[in-house]
Protein backbone atom coordinates (compact mmCIF):
# COMPACT_ATOMS: atom_id res chain seq x y z
CA MET A 1 86.07 160.21 103.45
CA GLN A 2 89.01 162.47 102.70
CA LEU A 3 88.91 165.84 101.08
CA GLU A 4 91.93 168.06 100.75
CA GLY A 5 91.28 171.71 100.25
CA SER A 6 92.14 175.29 101.02
CA LEU A 7 89.61 177.74 102.29
CA ARG A 8 89.74 181.49 102.38
CA ALA A 9 86.91 182.50 104.69
CA THR A 10 84.50 185.31 104.09
CA MET A 11 82.27 184.03 106.85
CA SER A 12 82.62 184.56 110.55
CA GLU A 13 81.76 181.02 111.77
CA ALA A 14 84.52 178.87 113.28
CA PHE A 15 86.37 176.43 110.98
CA ASP A 16 88.95 174.64 113.10
CA CYS A 17 91.12 171.49 112.96
CA ALA A 18 89.40 168.57 114.65
CA LYS A 19 92.68 167.67 116.39
CA CYS A 20 94.50 170.84 117.41
CA SER A 21 91.51 173.20 117.14
CA GLU A 22 93.53 175.77 115.24
CA SER A 23 91.70 177.71 112.61
CA LEU A 24 91.86 176.34 109.09
CA TYR A 25 90.98 179.65 107.40
CA GLY A 26 93.56 180.30 104.73
CA ARG A 27 95.30 176.94 105.37
CA LYS A 28 95.49 173.62 103.63
CA TYR A 29 93.35 170.96 105.28
CA ILE A 30 92.08 167.38 104.77
CA GLN A 31 88.44 166.53 105.27
CA THR A 32 87.60 163.19 106.95
CA ASP A 33 84.43 161.60 108.30
CA ASN A 34 85.46 162.95 111.72
CA GLY A 35 85.91 166.47 110.46
CA PRO A 36 88.66 168.56 108.89
CA TYR A 37 92.32 168.19 109.88
CA CYS A 38 95.25 170.42 109.28
CA VAL A 39 97.95 168.60 107.34
CA PRO A 40 100.36 168.07 110.30
CA CYS A 41 97.60 166.71 112.52
CA TYR A 42 96.28 164.48 109.74
CA ASP A 43 99.71 162.94 109.13
CA ASN A 44 100.37 162.47 112.86
CA THR A 45 96.98 160.85 113.35
CA PHE A 46 96.49 158.72 110.28
CA ALA A 47 99.78 158.27 108.40
CA ASN A 48 101.68 154.95 108.55
CA THR A 49 105.31 154.72 109.61
CA CYS A 50 107.82 153.58 106.97
CA ALA A 51 109.31 150.21 107.92
CA GLU A 52 112.66 151.27 106.43
CA CYS A 53 113.34 154.84 107.60
CA GLN A 54 110.84 154.88 110.49
CA GLN A 55 109.47 158.24 109.33
CA LEU A 56 105.81 159.02 108.74
CA ILE A 57 104.56 158.50 105.21
CA GLY A 58 102.93 161.81 104.48
CA HIS A 59 99.55 162.16 102.80
CA ASP A 60 101.20 163.49 99.65
CA SER A 61 103.76 160.65 99.42
CA ARG A 62 103.35 157.48 97.35
CA GLU A 63 102.96 154.65 99.83
CA LEU A 64 103.82 151.02 99.10
CA PHE A 65 103.12 148.10 101.38
CA TYR A 66 104.02 144.41 101.65
CA GLU A 67 102.20 142.17 104.07
CA ASP A 68 101.84 144.34 107.22
CA ARG A 69 104.71 146.72 106.43
CA HIS A 70 104.49 150.13 104.78
CA PHE A 71 107.19 151.99 102.86
CA HIS A 72 107.92 155.27 101.17
CA GLU A 73 108.35 154.64 97.46
CA GLY A 74 112.01 155.55 97.74
CA CYS A 75 112.51 153.24 100.74
CA PHE A 76 111.00 150.18 99.05
CA ARG A 77 114.23 148.77 97.68
CA CYS A 78 116.44 145.66 97.66
CA CYS A 79 118.32 145.39 100.94
CA ARG A 80 121.49 144.29 99.11
CA CYS A 81 121.87 146.27 95.92
CA GLN A 82 119.45 149.09 96.90
CA ARG A 83 117.59 148.79 93.60
CA SER A 84 114.06 150.18 93.77
CA LEU A 85 111.46 147.44 94.00
CA ALA A 86 108.51 149.73 93.26
CA ASP A 87 108.02 148.26 89.80
CA GLU A 88 110.22 145.15 90.03
CA PRO A 89 109.52 141.52 91.02
CA PHE A 90 111.02 140.72 94.41
CA THR A 91 111.30 138.01 97.07
CA CYS A 92 111.18 138.23 100.85
CA GLN A 93 113.85 136.14 102.57
CA ASP A 94 114.02 136.19 106.37
CA SER A 95 112.13 139.53 106.41
CA GLU A 96 114.57 141.07 103.90
CA LEU A 97 113.31 142.26 100.53
CA LEU A 98 115.49 141.14 97.64
CA CYS A 99 115.34 141.78 93.92
CA ASN A 100 115.35 138.63 91.78
CA ASP A 101 118.98 139.05 90.79
CA CYS A 102 120.21 139.30 94.40
CA TYR A 103 117.97 136.48 95.54
CA CYS A 104 119.21 134.16 92.80
CA SER A 105 122.83 135.11 93.48
CA ALA A 106 122.49 134.48 97.22
CA PHE A 107 120.09 131.56 97.47
CA SER A 108 119.69 129.87 94.10
CA SER A 109 122.04 127.21 92.76
CA GLN A 110 123.88 127.14 89.47
CA CYS A 111 123.22 124.52 86.82
CA SER A 112 126.12 122.04 86.74
CA ALA A 113 125.77 121.75 82.96
CA CYS A 114 125.32 125.29 81.60
CA GLY A 115 126.53 127.31 84.59
CA GLU A 116 123.44 129.54 84.53
CA THR A 117 121.30 130.25 87.60
CA VAL A 118 118.46 127.86 88.30
CA MET A 119 115.67 130.34 88.88
CA PRO A 120 113.34 129.87 91.85
CA GLY A 121 110.22 127.98 90.85
CA SER A 122 111.78 126.58 87.67
CA ARG A 123 111.90 122.84 87.00
CA LYS A 124 115.18 121.36 88.17
CA LEU A 125 116.88 118.08 89.06
CA GLU A 126 119.18 117.50 92.00
CA TYR A 127 121.60 114.61 92.48
CA GLY A 128 124.76 114.16 94.53
CA GLY A 129 124.74 117.74 95.78
CA GLN A 130 124.49 119.17 92.24
CA THR A 131 121.62 120.90 90.47
CA TRP A 132 120.58 120.98 86.81
CA HIS A 133 117.93 122.68 84.76
CA GLU A 134 115.55 119.92 83.73
CA HIS A 135 116.47 120.44 80.07
CA CYS A 136 120.22 120.36 80.88
CA PHE A 137 120.28 116.99 82.66
CA LEU A 138 121.16 114.81 79.66
CA CYS A 139 122.31 111.23 79.12
CA SER A 140 126.05 111.20 78.41
CA GLY A 141 125.43 108.65 75.69
CA CYS A 142 122.41 109.64 73.60
CA GLU A 143 122.29 113.24 74.94
CA GLN A 144 118.53 113.01 75.49
CA PRO A 145 116.97 114.60 78.63
CA LEU A 146 116.83 112.10 81.47
CA GLY A 147 113.87 113.79 83.15
CA SER A 148 112.26 111.36 85.57
CA ARG A 149 113.75 108.26 83.88
CA SER A 150 116.08 105.89 85.68
CA PHE A 151 119.77 106.58 85.12
CA VAL A 152 123.15 105.16 86.10
CA PRO A 153 125.98 107.45 87.32
CA ASP A 154 129.52 106.55 86.22
CA LYS A 155 132.62 108.65 86.97
CA GLY A 156 130.83 111.99 86.78
CA ALA A 157 128.71 111.00 83.78
CA HIS A 158 125.06 109.97 83.77
CA TYR A 159 123.58 107.40 81.42
CA CYS A 160 120.06 106.25 80.68
CA VAL A 161 119.74 102.53 81.32
CA PRO A 162 119.83 101.46 77.60
CA CYS A 163 122.97 103.54 76.92
CA TYR A 164 124.71 102.26 80.03
CA GLU A 165 123.96 98.66 79.16
CA ASN A 166 125.16 99.13 75.58
CA LYS A 167 128.37 100.81 76.72
CA PHE A 168 129.35 98.95 79.88
CA ALA A 169 127.25 95.84 80.54
CA PRO A 170 128.83 92.44 79.68
CA ARG A 171 127.45 90.62 76.65
CA CYS A 172 126.38 87.02 76.46
CA ALA A 173 128.89 84.80 74.63
CA ARG A 174 126.05 83.08 72.79
CA CYS A 175 123.44 85.73 71.87
CA SER A 176 125.68 88.85 72.21
CA LYS A 177 122.93 90.69 74.11
CA THR A 178 123.73 92.54 77.33
CA LEU A 179 123.43 90.88 80.71
CA THR A 180 121.49 93.23 82.97
CA GLN A 181 121.38 90.90 85.97
CA GLY A 182 122.33 87.38 86.96
CA GLY A 183 124.01 85.23 84.36
CA VAL A 184 126.69 82.53 84.61
CA THR A 185 130.34 82.26 83.59
CA TYR A 186 131.62 79.51 81.30
CA ARG A 187 135.16 79.44 79.92
CA ASP A 188 135.73 82.90 81.46
CA GLN A 189 132.86 84.36 79.43
CA PRO A 190 129.45 85.62 80.62
CA TRP A 191 126.28 83.83 79.51
CA HIS A 192 122.58 84.33 80.13
CA ARG A 193 121.40 81.40 82.23
CA GLU A 194 118.88 80.54 79.53
CA CYS A 195 121.59 80.64 76.83
CA LEU A 196 123.89 78.08 78.46
CA VAL A 197 122.25 74.88 77.18
CA CYS A 198 123.45 71.44 76.13
CA THR A 199 124.59 71.41 72.51
CA GLY A 200 122.92 68.04 72.08
CA CYS A 201 119.51 68.17 73.80
CA GLN A 202 119.22 71.91 74.60
CA THR A 203 118.70 71.22 78.32
CA PRO A 204 119.65 74.23 80.52
CA LEU A 205 123.03 73.61 82.14
CA ALA A 206 123.13 76.41 84.74
CA GLY A 207 123.51 74.79 88.14
CA GLN A 208 124.00 71.34 86.58
CA GLN A 209 127.08 69.18 86.07
CA PHE A 210 128.27 69.32 82.46
CA THR A 211 131.37 69.02 80.30
CA SER A 212 132.49 70.25 76.90
CA ARG A 213 133.77 69.04 73.56
CA ASP A 214 135.50 71.46 71.17
CA ASP A 215 134.35 74.33 73.44
CA ASP A 216 130.71 73.26 73.09
CA PRO A 217 128.93 72.44 76.39
CA TYR A 218 127.14 69.08 76.82
CA CYS A 219 125.11 67.59 79.62
CA VAL A 220 126.52 64.39 81.08
CA ALA A 221 123.99 62.17 79.30
CA CYS A 222 124.58 63.63 75.82
CA PHE A 223 128.34 63.69 76.25
CA GLY A 224 128.33 60.03 77.27
CA GLU A 225 126.15 58.97 74.36
CA LEU A 226 128.01 60.99 71.76
CA PHE A 227 131.67 60.91 72.80
CA ALA A 228 132.47 58.78 75.85
CA PRO A 229 134.00 55.29 75.45
CA LYS A 230 131.66 52.41 76.36
CA CYS A 231 132.36 49.97 79.13
CA SER A 232 133.37 46.59 77.68
CA SER A 233 131.31 44.90 80.38
CA CYS A 234 128.04 46.86 80.87
CA LYS A 235 128.20 48.77 77.56
CA ARG A 236 127.27 52.05 79.28
CA PRO A 237 129.29 55.28 78.70
CA ILE A 238 132.37 55.95 80.79
CA THR A 239 132.34 59.74 81.37
CA GLY A 240 134.85 60.00 84.20
CA LEU A 241 132.68 62.80 85.69
CA GLY A 242 131.86 63.06 89.36
CA GLY A 243 135.08 61.27 90.35
CA GLY A 244 134.13 58.12 88.48
CA LYS A 245 137.17 55.89 87.86
CA TYR A 246 137.81 53.46 85.04
CA VAL A 247 140.39 51.02 83.73
CA SER A 248 141.72 50.87 80.19
CA PHE A 249 143.54 48.02 78.51
CA GLU A 250 144.55 48.25 74.87
CA ASP A 251 141.40 49.56 73.15
CA ARG A 252 138.99 48.43 75.82
CA HIS A 253 137.65 50.25 78.88
CA TRP A 254 135.79 49.29 82.05
CA HIS A 255 134.16 51.08 84.96
CA HIS A 256 136.00 50.21 88.16
CA SER A 257 132.90 48.40 89.36
CA CYS A 258 132.72 46.39 86.11
CA PHE A 259 136.38 45.37 85.89
CA SER A 260 136.14 41.84 87.30
CA CYS A 261 136.96 38.27 86.37
CA ALA A 262 134.57 36.93 83.75
CA ARG A 263 134.34 33.59 85.61
CA CYS A 264 134.44 34.24 89.36
CA SER A 265 133.48 37.95 89.30
CA THR A 266 136.42 38.86 91.56
CA SER A 267 137.36 42.54 91.16
CA LEU A 268 140.52 42.92 89.14
CA VAL A 269 141.15 46.57 90.08
CA GLY A 270 144.76 46.76 91.21
CA GLN A 271 145.21 43.02 90.60
CA GLY A 272 146.98 41.05 87.94
CA PHE A 273 144.73 39.73 85.17
CA VAL A 274 144.95 37.66 81.99
CA PRO A 275 143.12 38.64 78.80
CA ASP A 276 141.15 35.75 77.29
CA GLY A 277 139.64 36.84 73.99
CA ASP A 278 136.99 39.42 74.77
CA GLN A 279 137.16 38.55 78.45
CA VAL A 280 139.59 39.15 81.32
CA LEU A 281 140.31 36.54 83.96
CA CYS A 282 141.94 36.56 87.34
CA GLN A 283 145.16 34.60 87.51
CA GLY A 284 143.50 31.77 89.45
CA CYS A 285 140.77 31.21 86.85
CA SER A 286 143.29 31.53 84.05
CA GLN A 287 145.48 28.80 85.53
CA ALA A 288 142.49 26.54 86.16
CA GLY A 289 142.04 26.19 82.43
CA PRO A 290 138.84 26.23 80.38
């Protein structure tokens, strides 16, 4: 218990300081549970030391404290700008007390979009050594906040995935939609794998052997049935694909393996032959007569 008072004695009993034993008659004193103290003894015994000026904080001074440190009101100030922190928000950084302005200037980052300080504790985004307010980190295409969505950086700009695909991704030559991954190239144009199909039977052609007619792709089977000449011997299509060789004479065509004498079956590839109606004969069979 403390009681500060002043006593002018009319009595003869002793009324002394509990510390120095000097009489308190006619003096200012402070009453405690251990007895009365003169003001100097009270301050020396009970007062805290200011963490800033290292002087005692007298009983009649306003005392402020932070954690285990005590301060005179006038000593409780920002260590950089000396602004009083008695009625201001502040931050402690490495044992130094800083007002919000000095803390932000020294330790907070600036928003790469608006240039304003990103206040401690505020929502922010960091990427590539730069910092943004959450509401300032926008897609360079649609200008909507990117937030926690996936984005694609491109030459200092940032795009949400849909905007990036619409602006930069290649488009399929058939369906005109963007190719986000994979795809194949045909006639120097990108295609979705599922879009590159045979014009005849719609069979997927990616990874398969195929050819074209008037820029339209065809599988080997459809191309042979629709456009390839037929072998005069076996009547099957002659596609010439896969290194297949054939022989032509006038308006007739043969696979190499089918171009043989109609009588003795001797191969006529690279040999002289004699046409005989719809047939071809080797020179020996031709000279032998019917």
